[in-house]
PDB file of N, CA and C in Angstrom:
ATOM      1  N   UNK A   1     -10.266  -9.708  -0.877  1.00  0.00           N
ATOM      2  CA  UNK A   1      -9.315 -10.278   0.048  1.00  0.00           C
ATOM      3  C   UNK A   1      -9.893 -11.596   0.564  1.00  0.00           C
ATOM      4  N   UNK A   2      -9.087 -12.627   0.505  1.00  0.00           N
ATOM      5  CA  UNK A   2      -9.471 -13.954   0.989  1.00  0.00           C
ATOM      6  C   UNK A   2      -8.548 -14.353   2.125  1.00  0.00           C
ATOM      7  N   UNK A   3      -8.999 -15.312   2.898  1.00  0.00           N
ATOM      8  CA  UNK A   3      -8.189 -15.832   3.997  1.00  0.00           C
ATOM      9  C   UNK A   3      -7.646 -17.202   3.620  1.00  0.00           C
ATOM     10  N   UNK A   4      -6.346 -17.382   3.785  1.00  0.00           N
ATOM     11  CA  UNK A   4      -5.707 -18.666   3.491  1.00  0.00           C
ATOM     12  C   UNK A   4      -5.866 -19.616   4.667  1.00  0.00           C
ATOM     13  N   UNK A   5      -6.088 -20.913   4.388  1.00  0.00           N
ATOM     14  CA  UNK A   5      -6.199 -21.886   5.473  1.00  0.00           C
ATOM     15  C   UNK A   5      -4.841 -22.360   6.006  1.00  0.00           C
ATOM     16  N   UNK A   6      -3.753 -22.058   5.269  1.00  0.00           N
ATOM     17  CA  UNK A   6      -2.400 -22.477   5.651  1.00  0.00           C
ATOM     18  C   UNK A   6      -1.445 -21.301   5.469  1.00  0.00           C
ATOM     19  N   UNK A   7      -0.277 -21.323   6.116  1.00  0.00           N
ATOM     20  CA  UNK A   7       0.698 -20.240   5.941  1.00  0.00           C
ATOM     21  C   UNK A   7       1.135 -20.117   4.475  1.00  0.00           C
ATOM     22  N   UNK A   8       1.474 -18.898   4.043  1.00  0.00           N
ATOM     23  CA  UNK A   8       1.833 -18.692   2.637  1.00  0.00           C
ATOM     24  C   UNK A   8       3.046 -19.499   2.176  1.00  0.00           C
ATOM     25  N   UNK A   9       4.051 -19.702   3.022  1.00  0.00           N
ATOM     26  CA  UNK A   9       5.215 -20.481   2.602  1.00  0.00           C
ATOM     27  C   UNK A   9       4.841 -21.942   2.370  1.00  0.00           C
ATOM     28  N   UNK A  10       3.926 -22.479   3.159  1.00  0.00           N
ATOM     29  CA  UNK A  10       3.444 -23.845   2.957  1.00  0.00           C
ATOM     30  C   UNK A  10       2.597 -23.938   1.685  1.00  0.00           C
ATOM     31  N   UNK A  11       1.777 -22.918   1.450  1.00  0.00           N
ATOM     32  CA  UNK A  11       0.969 -22.844   0.223  1.00  0.00           C
ATOM     33  C   UNK A  11       1.875 -22.896  -1.009  1.00  0.00           C
ATOM     34  N   UNK A  12       2.942 -22.086  -0.989  1.00  0.00           N
ATOM     35  CA  UNK A  12       3.862 -22.064  -2.132  1.00  0.00           C
ATOM     36  C   UNK A  12       4.630 -23.378  -2.260  1.00  0.00           C
ATOM     37  N   UNK A  13       5.025 -23.980  -1.152  1.00  0.00           N
ATOM     38  CA  UNK A  13       5.757 -25.251  -1.247  1.00  0.00           C
ATOM     39  C   UNK A  13       4.845 -26.378  -1.744  1.00  0.00           C
ATOM     40  N   UNK A  14       3.561 -26.345  -1.386  1.00  0.00           N
ATOM     41  CA  UNK A  14       2.614 -27.349  -1.876  1.00  0.00           C
ATOM     42  C   UNK A  14       2.443 -27.286  -3.393  1.00  0.00           C
ATOM     43  N   UNK A  15       2.611 -26.100  -3.972  1.00  0.00           N
ATOM     44  CA  UNK A  15       2.434 -25.918  -5.410  1.00  0.00           C
ATOM     45  C   UNK A  15       3.745 -25.558  -6.107  1.00  0.00           C
ATOM     46  N   UNK A  16       4.867 -25.984  -5.542  1.00  0.00           N
ATOM     47  CA  UNK A  16       6.188 -25.631  -6.073  1.00  0.00           C
ATOM     48  C   UNK A  16       6.358 -26.019  -7.539  1.00  0.00           C
ATOM     49  N   UNK A  17       5.752 -27.117  -7.957  1.00  0.00           N
ATOM     50  CA  UNK A  17       5.879 -27.569  -9.349  1.00  0.00           C
ATOM     51  C   UNK A  17       5.140 -26.653 -10.316  1.00  0.00           C
ATOM     52  N   UNK A  18       4.258 -25.775  -9.821  1.00  0.00           N
ATOM     53  CA  UNK A  18       3.517 -24.838 -10.669  1.00  0.00           C
ATOM     54  C   UNK A  18       4.112 -23.433 -10.675  1.00  0.00           C
ATOM     55  N   UNK A  19       5.155 -23.203  -9.882  1.00  0.00           N
ATOM     56  CA  UNK A  19       5.750 -21.868  -9.806  1.00  0.00           C
ATOM     57  C   UNK A  19       6.360 -21.460 -11.142  1.00  0.00           C
ATOM     58  N   UNK A  20       6.199 -20.175 -11.467  1.00  0.00           N
ATOM     59  CA  UNK A  20       6.814 -19.597 -12.658  1.00  0.00           C
ATOM     60  C   UNK A  20       7.620 -18.377 -12.232  1.00  0.00           C
ATOM     61  N   UNK A  21       8.653 -18.091 -12.984  1.00  0.00           N
ATOM     62  CA  UNK A  21       9.474 -16.913 -12.726  1.00  0.00           C
ATOM     63  C   UNK A  21       8.924 -15.734 -13.532  1.00  0.00           C
ATOM     64  N   UNK A  22       8.630 -14.643 -12.834  1.00  0.00           N
ATOM     65  CA  UNK A  22       8.103 -13.437 -13.467  1.00  0.00           C
ATOM     66  C   UNK A  22       9.081 -12.294 -13.282  1.00  0.00           C
ATOM     67  N   UNK A  23       9.386 -11.599 -14.382  1.00  0.00           N
ATOM     68  CA  UNK A  23      10.149 -10.362 -14.307  1.00  0.00           C
ATOM     69  C   UNK A  23       9.160  -9.215 -14.222  1.00  0.00           C
ATOM     70  N   UNK A  24       9.403  -8.283 -13.316  1.00  0.00           N
ATOM     71  CA  UNK A  24       8.553  -7.108 -13.163  1.00  0.00           C
ATOM     72  C   UNK A  24       9.183  -5.972 -13.952  1.00  0.00           C
ATOM     73  N   UNK A  25       8.447  -5.461 -14.913  1.00  0.00           N
ATOM     74  CA  UNK A  25       8.939  -4.376 -15.760  1.00  0.00           C
ATOM     75  C   UNK A  25       8.164  -3.117 -15.412  1.00  0.00           C
ATOM     76  N   UNK A  26       8.897  -2.096 -14.996  1.00  0.00           N
ATOM     77  CA  UNK A  26       8.294  -0.822 -14.612  1.00  0.00           C
ATOM     78  C   UNK A  26       9.015   0.287 -15.362  1.00  0.00           C
ATOM     79  N   UNK A  27       8.242   1.110 -16.045  1.00  0.00           N
ATOM     80  CA  UNK A  27       8.807   2.211 -16.837  1.00  0.00           C
ATOM     81  C   UNK A  27       9.836   1.704 -17.841  1.00  0.00           C
ATOM     82  N   UNK A  28       9.567   0.529 -18.430  1.00  0.00           N
ATOM     83  CA  UNK A  28      10.430  -0.032 -19.456  1.00  0.00           C
ATOM     84  C   UNK A  28      11.692  -0.704 -18.958  1.00  0.00           C
ATOM     85  N   UNK A  29      11.862  -0.788 -17.632  1.00  0.00           N
ATOM     86  CA  UNK A  29      13.068  -1.372 -17.049  1.00  0.00           C
ATOM     87  C   UNK A  29      12.687  -2.563 -16.182  1.00  0.00           C
ATOM     88  N   UNK A  30      13.432  -3.669 -16.335  1.00  0.00           N
ATOM     89  CA  UNK A  30      13.199  -4.824 -15.463  1.00  0.00           C
ATOM     90  C   UNK A  30      13.662  -4.462 -14.063  1.00  0.00           C
ATOM     91  N   UNK A  31      12.702  -4.412 -13.139  1.00  0.00           N
ATOM     92  CA  UNK A  31      12.981  -3.961 -11.771  1.00  0.00           C
ATOM     93  C   UNK A  31      13.385  -5.109 -10.854  1.00  0.00           C
ATOM     94  N   UNK A  32      12.739  -6.276 -11.010  1.00  0.00           N
ATOM     95  CA  UNK A  32      13.008  -7.407 -10.125  1.00  0.00           C
ATOM     96  C   UNK A  32      12.360  -8.656 -10.699  1.00  0.00           C
ATOM     97  N   UNK A  33      12.612  -9.781 -10.054  1.00  0.00           N
ATOM     98  CA  UNK A  33      12.015 -11.056 -10.440  1.00  0.00           C
ATOM     99  C   UNK A  33      11.473 -11.748  -9.199  1.00  0.00           C
ATOM    100  N   UNK A  34      10.306 -12.407  -9.392  1.00  0.00           N
ATOM    101  CA  UNK A  34       9.671 -13.148  -8.306  1.00  0.00           C
ATOM    102  C   UNK A  34       9.080 -14.438  -8.856  1.00  0.00           C
ATOM    103  N   UNK A  35       8.952 -15.430  -7.993  1.00  0.00           N
ATOM    104  CA  UNK A  35       8.218 -16.645  -8.330  1.00  0.00           C
ATOM    105  C   UNK A  35       6.756 -16.411  -8.010  1.00  0.00           C
ATOM    106  N   UNK A  36       5.887 -16.877  -8.917  1.00  0.00           N
ATOM    107  CA  UNK A  36       4.459 -16.680  -8.716  1.00  0.00           C
ATOM    108  C   UNK A  36       3.652 -17.872  -9.161  1.00  0.00           C
ATOM    109  N   UNK A  37       2.398 -17.896  -8.719  1.00  0.00           N
ATOM    110  CA  UNK A  37       1.455 -18.958  -9.063  1.00  0.00           C
ATOM    111  C   UNK A  37       0.261 -18.355  -9.788  1.00  0.00           C
ATOM    112  N   UNK A  38      -0.044 -18.885 -10.979  1.00  0.00           N
ATOM    113  CA  UNK A  38      -1.216 -18.446 -11.733  1.00  0.00           C
ATOM    114  C   UNK A  38      -2.486 -18.932 -11.054  1.00  0.00           C
ATOM    115  N   UNK A  39      -3.536 -18.112 -11.123  1.00  0.00           N
ATOM    116  CA  UNK A  39      -4.810 -18.493 -10.534  1.00  0.00           C
ATOM    117  C   UNK A  39      -5.926 -17.668 -11.164  1.00  0.00           C
ATOM    118  N   UNK A  40      -7.174 -18.007 -10.860  1.00  0.00           N
ATOM    119  CA  UNK A  40      -8.324 -17.223 -11.324  1.00  0.00           C
ATOM    120  C   UNK A  40      -9.315 -17.058 -10.175  1.00  0.00           C
ATOM    121  N   UNK A  41     -10.065 -15.975 -10.258  1.00  0.00           N
ATOM    122  CA  UNK A  41     -11.114 -15.677  -9.279  1.00  0.00           C
ATOM    123  C   UNK A  41     -12.224 -14.970 -10.034  1.00  0.00           C
ATOM    124  N   UNK A  42     -13.416 -15.526  -9.992  1.00  0.00           N
ATOM    125  CA  UNK A  42     -14.554 -14.936 -10.713  1.00  0.00           C
ATOM    126  C   UNK A  42     -14.198 -14.628 -12.167  1.00  0.00           C
ATOM    127  N   UNK A  43     -13.516 -15.575 -12.811  1.00  0.00           N
ATOM    128  CA  UNK A  43     -13.090 -15.492 -14.214  1.00  0.00           C
ATOM    129  C   UNK A  43     -12.082 -14.383 -14.487  1.00  0.00           C
ATOM    130  N   UNK A  44     -11.447 -13.877 -13.447  1.00  0.00           N
ATOM    131  CA  UNK A  44     -10.368 -12.901 -13.588  1.00  0.00           C
ATOM    132  C   UNK A  44      -9.056 -13.588 -13.255  1.00  0.00           C
ATOM    133  N   UNK A  45      -8.068 -13.425 -14.134  1.00  0.00           N
ATOM    134  CA  UNK A  45      -6.758 -14.048 -13.931  1.00  0.00           C
ATOM    135  C   UNK A  45      -5.899 -13.185 -13.022  1.00  0.00           C
ATOM    136  N   UNK A  46      -5.117 -13.859 -12.183  1.00  0.00           N
ATOM    137  CA  UNK A  46      -4.155 -13.153 -11.351  1.00  0.00           C
ATOM    138  C   UNK A  46      -2.975 -14.070 -11.058  1.00  0.00           C
ATOM    139  N   UNK A  47      -1.915 -13.468 -10.526  1.00  0.00           N
ATOM    140  CA  UNK A  47      -0.734 -14.222 -10.110  1.00  0.00           C
ATOM    141  C   UNK A  47      -0.519 -13.946  -8.621  1.00  0.00           C
ATOM    142  N   UNK A  48      -0.364 -15.011  -7.843  1.00  0.00           N
ATOM    143  CA  UNK A  48      -0.053 -14.900  -6.417  1.00  0.00           C
ATOM    144  C   UNK A  48       1.451 -14.741  -6.244  1.00  0.00           C
ATOM    145  N   UNK A  49       1.862 -13.803  -5.392  1.00  0.00           N
ATOM    146  CA  UNK A  49       3.268 -13.615  -5.038  1.00  0.00           C
ATOM    147  C   UNK A  49       3.382 -13.552  -3.517  1.00  0.00           C
ATOM    148  N   UNK A  50       4.464 -14.135  -2.989  1.00  0.00           N
ATOM    149  CA  UNK A  50       4.713 -14.041  -1.558  1.00  0.00           C
ATOM    150  C   UNK A  50       5.198 -12.643  -1.204  1.00  0.00           C
ATOM    151  N   UNK A  51       4.798 -12.172  -0.052  1.00  0.00           N
ATOM    152  CA  UNK A  51       5.258 -10.891   0.456  1.00  0.00           C
ATOM    153  C   UNK A  51       6.591 -11.095   1.190  1.00  0.00           C
ATOM    154  N   UNK A  52       7.459 -10.111   1.200  1.00  0.00           N
ATOM    155  CA  UNK A  52       7.316  -8.819   0.557  1.00  0.00           C
ATOM    156  C   UNK A  52       7.684  -8.895  -0.929  1.00  0.00           C
ATOM    157  N   UNK A  53       7.003  -8.094  -1.711  1.00  0.00           N
ATOM    158  CA  UNK A  53       7.341  -7.950  -3.128  1.00  0.00           C
ATOM    159  C   UNK A  53       6.911  -6.564  -3.581  1.00  0.00           C
ATOM    160  N   UNK A  54       7.538  -6.089  -4.625  1.00  0.00           N
ATOM    161  CA  UNK A  54       7.297  -4.739  -5.129  1.00  0.00           C
ATOM    162  C   UNK A  54       6.625  -4.840  -6.493  1.00  0.00           C
ATOM    163  N   UNK A  55       5.306  -4.964  -6.495  1.00  0.00           N
ATOM    164  CA  UNK A  55       4.515  -5.044  -7.719  1.00  0.00           C
ATOM    165  C   UNK A  55       3.358  -4.071  -7.569  1.00  0.00           C
ATOM    166  N   UNK A  56       3.120  -3.277  -8.618  1.00  0.00           N
ATOM    167  CA  UNK A  56       2.083  -2.249  -8.584  1.00  0.00           C
ATOM    168  C   UNK A  56       1.210  -2.344  -9.829  1.00  0.00           C
ATOM    169  N   UNK A  57      -0.008  -1.832  -9.732  1.00  0.00           N
ATOM    170  CA  UNK A  57      -0.870  -1.711 -10.908  1.00  0.00           C
ATOM    171  C   UNK A  57      -0.127  -0.868 -11.940  1.00  0.00           C
ATOM    172  N   UNK A  58      -0.162  -1.303 -13.189  1.00  0.00           N
ATOM    173  CA  UNK A  58       0.557  -0.627 -14.271  1.00  0.00           C
ATOM    174  C   UNK A  58       1.856  -1.301 -14.640  1.00  0.00           C
ATOM    175  N   UNK A  59       2.383  -2.160 -13.765  1.00  0.00           N
ATOM    176  CA  UNK A  59       3.595  -2.916 -14.083  1.00  0.00           C
ATOM    177  C   UNK A  59       3.288  -3.967 -15.143  1.00  0.00           C
ATOM    178  N   UNK A  60       4.318  -4.366 -15.874  1.00  0.00           N
ATOM    179  CA  UNK A  60       4.226  -5.519 -16.767  1.00  0.00           C
ATOM    180  C   UNK A  60       4.930  -6.685 -16.101  1.00  0.00           C
ATOM    181  N   UNK A  61       4.342  -7.862 -16.234  1.00  0.00           N
ATOM    182  CA  UNK A  61       4.979  -9.094 -15.798  1.00  0.00           C
ATOM    183  C   UNK A  61       5.356  -9.874 -17.038  1.00  0.00           C
ATOM    184  N   UNK A  62       6.620 -10.267 -17.146  1.00  0.00           N
ATOM    185  CA  UNK A  62       7.081 -11.059 -18.288  1.00  0.00           C
ATOM    186  C   UNK A  62       7.418 -12.452 -17.792  1.00  0.00           C
ATOM    187  N   UNK A  63       6.875 -13.443 -18.506  1.00  0.00           N
ATOM    188  CA  UNK A  63       7.152 -14.836 -18.174  1.00  0.00           C
ATOM    189  C   UNK A  63       7.195 -15.630 -19.473  1.00  0.00           C
ATOM    190  N   UNK A  64       8.347 -16.184 -19.783  1.00  0.00           N
ATOM    191  CA  UNK A  64       8.519 -17.010 -20.988  1.00  0.00           C
ATOM    192  C   UNK A  64       8.052 -16.311 -22.260  1.00  0.00           C
ATOM    193  N   UNK A  65       8.343 -15.013 -22.372  1.00  0.00           N
ATOM    194  CA  UNK A  65       8.003 -14.258 -23.566  1.00  0.00           C
ATOM    195  C   UNK A  65       6.595 -13.702 -23.598  1.00  0.00           C
ATOM    196  N   UNK A  66       5.777 -14.024 -22.602  1.00  0.00           N
ATOM    197  CA  UNK A  66       4.430 -13.462 -22.507  1.00  0.00           C
ATOM    198  C   UNK A  66       4.479 -12.228 -21.612  1.00  0.00           C
ATOM    199  N   UNK A  67       3.762 -11.191 -22.011  1.00  0.00           N
ATOM    200  CA  UNK A  67       3.706  -9.955 -21.245  1.00  0.00           C
ATOM    201  C   UNK A  67       2.296  -9.773 -20.706  1.00  0.00           C
ATOM    202  N   UNK A  68       2.208  -9.540 -19.403  1.00  0.00           N
ATOM    203  CA  UNK A  68       0.928  -9.409 -18.715  1.00  0.00           C
ATOM    204  C   UNK A  68       0.888  -8.056 -18.022  1.00  0.00           C
ATOM    205  N   UNK A  69      -0.191  -7.324 -18.207  1.00  0.00           N
ATOM    206  CA  UNK A  69      -0.349  -6.021 -17.579  1.00  0.00           C
ATOM    207  C   UNK A  69      -1.061  -6.193 -16.240  1.00  0.00           C
ATOM    208  N   UNK A  70      -0.469  -5.669 -15.181  1.00  0.00           N
ATOM    209  CA  UNK A  70      -1.091  -5.712 -13.856  1.00  0.00           C
ATOM    210  C   UNK A  70      -2.135  -4.597 -13.800  1.00  0.00           C
ATOM    211  N   UNK A  71      -3.402  -4.991 -13.621  1.00  0.00           N
ATOM    212  CA  UNK A  71      -4.495  -4.021 -13.622  1.00  0.00           C
ATOM    213  C   UNK A  71      -4.946  -3.631 -12.219  1.00  0.00           C
ATOM    214  N   UNK A  72      -4.718  -4.510 -11.257  1.00  0.00           N
ATOM    215  CA  UNK A  72      -5.184  -4.266  -9.891  1.00  0.00           C
ATOM    216  C   UNK A  72      -4.379  -5.135  -8.933  1.00  0.00           C
ATOM    217  N   UNK A  73      -4.213  -4.645  -7.716  1.00  0.00           N
ATOM    218  CA  UNK A  73      -3.520  -5.384  -6.663  1.00  0.00           C
ATOM    219  C   UNK A  73      -4.509  -5.631  -5.518  1.00  0.00           C
ATOM    220  N   UNK A  74      -4.461  -6.835  -4.963  1.00  0.00           N
ATOM    221  CA  UNK A  74      -5.236  -7.180  -3.778  1.00  0.00           C
ATOM    222  C   UNK A  74      -4.363  -8.109  -2.934  1.00  0.00           C
ATOM    223  N   UNK A  75      -4.860  -8.514  -1.796  1.00  0.00           N
ATOM    224  CA  UNK A  75      -4.077  -9.374  -0.909  1.00  0.00           C
ATOM    225  C   UNK A  75      -4.942 -10.495  -0.354  1.00  0.00           C
ATOM    226  N   UNK A  76      -4.330 -11.636  -0.094  1.00  0.00           N
ATOM    227  CA  UNK A  76      -4.941 -12.694   0.690  1.00  0.00           C
ATOM    228  C   UNK A  76      -4.276 -12.648   2.062  1.00  0.00           C
ATOM    229  N   UNK A  77      -5.010 -13.053   3.076  1.00  0.00           N
ATOM    230  CA  UNK A  77      -4.492 -12.981   4.436  1.00  0.00           C
ATOM    231  C   UNK A  77      -4.310 -14.370   5.030  1.00  0.00           C
ATOM    232  N   UNK A  78      -3.491 -14.428   6.045  1.00  0.00           N
ATOM    233  CA  UNK A  78      -3.368 -15.619   6.882  1.00  0.00           C
ATOM    234  C   UNK A  78      -3.256 -15.132   8.314  1.00  0.00           C
ATOM    235  N   UNK A  79      -4.096 -15.670   9.170  1.00  0.00           N
ATOM    236  CA  UNK A  79      -4.086 -15.324  10.583  1.00  0.00           C
ATOM    237  C   UNK A  79      -4.232 -13.808  10.786  1.00  0.00           C
ATOM    238  N   UNK A  80      -5.076 -13.187   9.939  1.00  0.00           N
ATOM    239  CA  UNK A  80      -5.369 -11.763  10.076  1.00  0.00           C
ATOM    240  C   UNK A  80      -4.335 -10.820   9.498  1.00  0.00           C
ATOM    241  N   UNK A  81      -3.272 -11.340   8.900  1.00  0.00           N
ATOM    242  CA  UNK A  81      -2.204 -10.509   8.334  1.00  0.00           C
ATOM    243  C   UNK A  81      -2.123 -10.716   6.826  1.00  0.00           C
ATOM    244  N   UNK A  82      -1.738  -9.660   6.087  1.00  0.00           N
ATOM    245  CA  UNK A  82      -1.512  -9.818   4.652  1.00  0.00           C
ATOM    246  C   UNK A  82      -0.468 -10.904   4.432  1.00  0.00           C
ATOM    247  N   UNK A  83      -0.768 -11.844   3.522  1.00  0.00           N
ATOM    248  CA  UNK A  83       0.124 -12.987   3.327  1.00  0.00           C
ATOM    249  C   UNK A  83       0.596 -13.132   1.889  1.00  0.00           C
ATOM    250  N   UNK A  84      -0.295 -12.917   0.931  1.00  0.00           N
ATOM    251  CA  UNK A  84       0.040 -13.055  -0.488  1.00  0.00           C
ATOM    252  C   UNK A  84      -0.502 -11.868  -1.259  1.00  0.00           C
ATOM    253  N   UNK A  85       0.288 -11.386  -2.192  1.00  0.00           N
ATOM    254  CA  UNK A  85      -0.161 -10.345  -3.104  1.00  0.00           C
ATOM    255  C   UNK A  85      -0.827 -11.002  -4.290  1.00  0.00           C
ATOM    256  N   UNK A  86      -1.954 -10.465  -4.701  1.00  0.00           N
ATOM    257  CA  UNK A  86      -2.658 -10.947  -5.899  1.00  0.00           C
ATOM    258  C   UNK A  86      -2.552  -9.847  -6.958  1.00  0.00           C
ATOM    259  N   UNK A  87      -1.817 -10.130  -8.027  1.00  0.00           N
ATOM    260  CA  UNK A  87      -1.664  -9.190  -9.137  1.00  0.00           C
ATOM    261  C   UNK A  87      -2.628  -9.613 -10.233  1.00  0.00           C
ATOM    262  N   UNK A  88      -3.736  -8.904 -10.359  1.00  0.00           N
ATOM    263  CA  UNK A  88      -4.705  -9.192 -11.413  1.00  0.00           C
ATOM    264  C   UNK A  88      -4.124  -8.728 -12.738  1.00  0.00           C
ATOM    265  N   UNK A  89      -4.295  -9.546 -13.769  1.00  0.00           N
ATOM    266  CA  UNK A  89      -3.579  -9.338 -15.026  1.00  0.00           C
ATOM    267  C   UNK A  89      -4.493  -9.465 -16.237  1.00  0.00           C
ATOM    268  N   UNK A  90      -4.045  -8.839 -17.326  1.00  0.00           N
ATOM    269  CA  UNK A  90      -4.600  -9.089 -18.660  1.00  0.00           C
ATOM    270  C   UNK A  90      -3.420  -9.286 -19.600  1.00  0.00           C
ATOM    271  N   UNK A  91      -3.631 -10.052 -20.654  1.00  0.00           N
ATOM    272  CA  UNK A  91      -2.563 -10.268 -21.637  1.00  0.00           C
ATOM    273  C   UNK A  91      -2.260  -8.970 -22.363  1.00  0.00           C
ATOM    274  N   UNK A  92      -1.011  -8.724 -22.553  1.00  0.00           N
ATOM    275  CA  UNK A  92      -0.540  -7.534 -23.275  1.00  0.00           C
ATOM    276  C   UNK A  92       0.153  -8.015 -24.532  1.00  0.00           C
ATOM    277  N   UNK A  93      -0.224  -7.484 -25.669  1.00  0.00           N
ATOM    278  CA  UNK A  93       0.368  -7.919 -26.945  1.00  0.00           C
ATOM    279  C   UNK A  93       1.411  -6.921 -27.391  1.00  0.00           C
TER     280      UNK A  93
END
């Protein structure tokens, strides 16, 4: 868990040109779609999503034909509160 220096909505607006649309696939069904930002931490890839969102370990994220398996969920905080969901991912073939 990391602490953000700015509010999550400002963070997302600052990087709006990098946002990608991700479909969340759970049990073979597209459950919802969210905008997310790709990132890495200690050589582990993850996607940041604004809260609230419904993403769990085991979900697949589809973006432009690429499928990513969510392996772990964590959060970044702002002002002591959960602010962004971090969906750690691996490529799924």
